[in-house]
Amino acid sequence: MTTQRNRTMDKDNRYWKAHKNIYNKLLNSLDQDIVDKIYRNPNCIEAHLLNNKVEKEIEQILEQESTA
């Protein structure tokens, strides 16, 4: 099953709490060179890939919470 990536999520407090936790977890798992690159240029491809991964995980978490 494919999900639509262009769906808009309600970016409420639950979203931002999940975003912060997941973003920090994923950022800490990266090599320091990549982290430095993201800090220097938040629009680099690595930053976009990280953000896409964060959004995907948030989507899964919020979907699980809504079906629980």
Protein backbone atom coordinates (compact mmCIF):
# COMPACT_ATOMS: atom_id res chain seq x y z
CA MET A 1 0.00 0.00 0.00
CA THR A 2 1.40 3.38 -0.94
CA THR A 3 0.73 6.52 1.02
CA GLN A 4 0.23 9.93 -0.48
CA ARG A 5 3.19 12.09 0.52
CA ASN A 6 1.38 15.29 -0.38
CA ARG A 7 -1.30 14.87 2.28
CA THR A 8 -1.30 17.66 4.80
CA MET A 9 -0.85 16.68 8.41
CA ASP A 10 -2.35 18.58 11.28
CA LYS A 11 0.81 19.99 12.83
CA ASP A 12 -0.45 20.21 16.37
CA ASN A 13 1.39 19.64 19.67
CA ARG A 14 1.46 15.86 19.15
CA TYR A 15 3.08 16.34 15.76
CA TRP A 16 5.77 18.72 17.03
CA LYS A 17 6.56 16.56 20.05
CA ALA A 18 7.00 13.53 17.79
CA HIS A 19 8.97 15.64 15.29
CA LYS A 20 11.44 16.80 17.94
CA ASN A 21 12.03 13.30 19.29
CA ILE A 22 12.39 11.63 15.90
CA TYR A 23 14.50 14.42 14.38
CA ASN A 24 16.95 14.33 17.28
CA LYS A 25 17.10 10.52 17.25
CA LEU A 26 17.81 10.38 13.53
CA LEU A 27 20.23 13.31 13.60
CA ASN A 28 22.21 11.66 16.41
CA SER A 29 22.46 8.47 14.36
CA LEU A 30 24.23 10.24 11.48
CA ASP A 31 27.96 10.68 10.98
CA GLN A 32 29.21 13.98 12.35
CA ASP A 33 30.29 15.11 8.86
CA ILE A 34 26.71 14.80 7.63
CA VAL A 35 25.35 16.57 10.71
CA ASP A 36 27.80 19.42 10.12
CA LYS A 37 26.72 19.62 6.48
CA ILE A 38 23.05 19.83 7.52
CA TYR A 39 23.84 22.58 10.06
CA ARG A 40 25.83 24.55 7.47
CA ASN A 41 23.20 24.17 4.76
CA PRO A 42 19.68 23.22 5.90
CA ASN A 43 18.64 22.99 2.25
CA CYS A 44 21.22 20.39 1.26
CA ILE A 45 20.11 17.00 -0.05
CA GLU A 46 21.03 15.31 3.25
CA ALA A 47 18.75 17.69 5.15
CA HIS A 48 15.90 16.98 2.74
CA LEU A 49 16.43 13.25 3.07
CA LEU A 50 16.45 13.55 6.86
CA ASN A 51 13.26 15.61 6.82
CA ASN A 52 11.54 13.11 4.53
CA LYS A 53 12.48 10.29 6.87
CA VAL A 54 11.24 12.26 9.89
CA GLU A 55 7.92 13.02 8.17
CA LYS A 56 7.47 9.36 7.22
CA GLU A 57 8.05 8.18 10.81
CA ILE A 58 5.73 10.85 12.21
CA GLU A 59 3.04 9.83 9.75
CA GLN A 60 3.34 6.21 10.87
CA ILE A 61 3.25 7.10 14.57
CA LEU A 62 0.24 9.38 14.27
CA GLU A 63 -1.56 6.83 12.11
CA GLN A 64 -0.95 4.12 14.72
CA GLU A 65 -2.20 6.42 17.48
CA SER A 66 -5.36 7.24 15.57
CA THR A 67 -6.19 3.56 15.01
CA ALA A 68 -5.42 2.50 18.59
